[in-house]
Amino acid sequence: MARSPRAYVLECKDLDEAIATAALIPGALHGAVEVRPLVVFS
């Protein structure tokens, strides 16, 4: 059975915090989590 991909948008102070928070996502234990910056234009 295929699972549908999920997207999480996290607001973190730096890359280290983003990686630590991404490690807590349930799919990170047996899969992969991609961490990348998001630029917001206002």
C-alpha atoms as a PDB file:
ATOM      1  CA  MET A   1       0.000   0.000   0.000  1.00  0.00           C
ATOM      2  CA  ALA A   2       1.452   3.368  -1.020  1.00  0.00           C
ATOM      3  CA  ARG A   3       1.406   6.248   1.409  1.00  0.00           C
ATOM      4  CA  SER A   4       0.649   9.779   0.338  1.00  0.00           C
ATOM      5  CA  PRO A   5       3.482  12.251   0.916  1.00  0.00           C
ATOM      6  CA  ARG A   6       3.042  14.847   3.636  1.00  0.00           C
ATOM      7  CA  ALA A   7       4.539  18.303   3.882  1.00  0.00           C
ATOM      8  CA  TYR A   8       5.447  20.057   7.100  1.00  0.00           C
ATOM      9  CA  VAL A   9       6.414  23.716   7.212  1.00  0.00           C
ATOM     10  CA  LEU A  10       8.493  24.507  10.290  1.00  0.00           C
ATOM     11  CA  GLU A  11       9.664  27.893  11.483  1.00  0.00           C
ATOM     12  CA  CYS A  12      13.109  27.408  13.001  1.00  0.00           C
ATOM     13  CA  LYS A  13      15.857  29.818  14.001  1.00  0.00           C
ATOM     14  CA  ASP A  14      18.621  27.947  12.147  1.00  0.00           C
ATOM     15  CA  LEU A  15      19.503  24.766  10.263  1.00  0.00           C
ATOM     16  CA  ASP A  16      20.495  22.888  13.423  1.00  0.00           C
ATOM     17  CA  GLU A  17      17.072  23.466  14.975  1.00  0.00           C
ATOM     18  CA  ALA A  18      15.373  22.475  11.712  1.00  0.00           C
ATOM     19  CA  ILE A  19      17.287  19.184  11.563  1.00  0.00           C
ATOM     20  CA  ALA A  20      16.580  18.392  15.225  1.00  0.00           C
ATOM     21  CA  THR A  21      12.871  19.119  14.765  1.00  0.00           C
ATOM     22  CA  ALA A  22      12.676  17.147  11.505  1.00  0.00           C
ATOM     23  CA  ALA A  23      14.141  14.128  13.295  1.00  0.00           C
ATOM     24  CA  LEU A  24      11.000  14.059  15.466  1.00  0.00           C
ATOM     25  CA  ILE A  25       8.665  13.636  12.476  1.00  0.00           C
ATOM     26  CA  PRO A  26       7.213  10.094  12.594  1.00  0.00           C
ATOM     27  CA  GLY A  27       8.341   9.228   9.044  1.00  0.00           C
ATOM     28  CA  ALA A  28      11.964  10.043   9.848  1.00  0.00           C
ATOM     29  CA  LEU A  29      12.418   6.793  11.788  1.00  0.00           C
ATOM     30  CA  HIS A  30      11.944   4.474   8.797  1.00  0.00           C
ATOM     31  CA  GLY A  31      12.027   6.848   5.842  1.00  0.00           C
ATOM     32  CA  ALA A  32      13.512  10.122   4.733  1.00  0.00           C
ATOM     33  CA  VAL A  33      12.857  13.752   5.603  1.00  0.00           C
ATOM     34  CA  GLU A  34      14.015  16.590   3.376  1.00  0.00           C
ATOM     35  CA  VAL A  35      15.000  19.855   5.070  1.00  0.00           C
ATOM     36  CA  ARG A  36      15.249  22.941   2.904  1.00  0.00           C
ATOM     37  CA  PRO A  37      14.870  26.686   3.360  1.00  0.00           C
ATOM     38  CA  LEU A  38      11.717  28.514   2.398  1.00  0.00           C
ATOM     39  CA  VAL A  39      11.865  32.148   1.374  1.00  0.00           C
ATOM     40  CA  VAL A  40       8.795  34.252   2.080  1.00  0.00           C
ATOM     41  CA  PHE A  41       8.370  37.335  -0.078  1.00  0.00           C
ATOM     42  CA  SER A  42       6.103  39.998   1.317  1.00  0.00           C
END
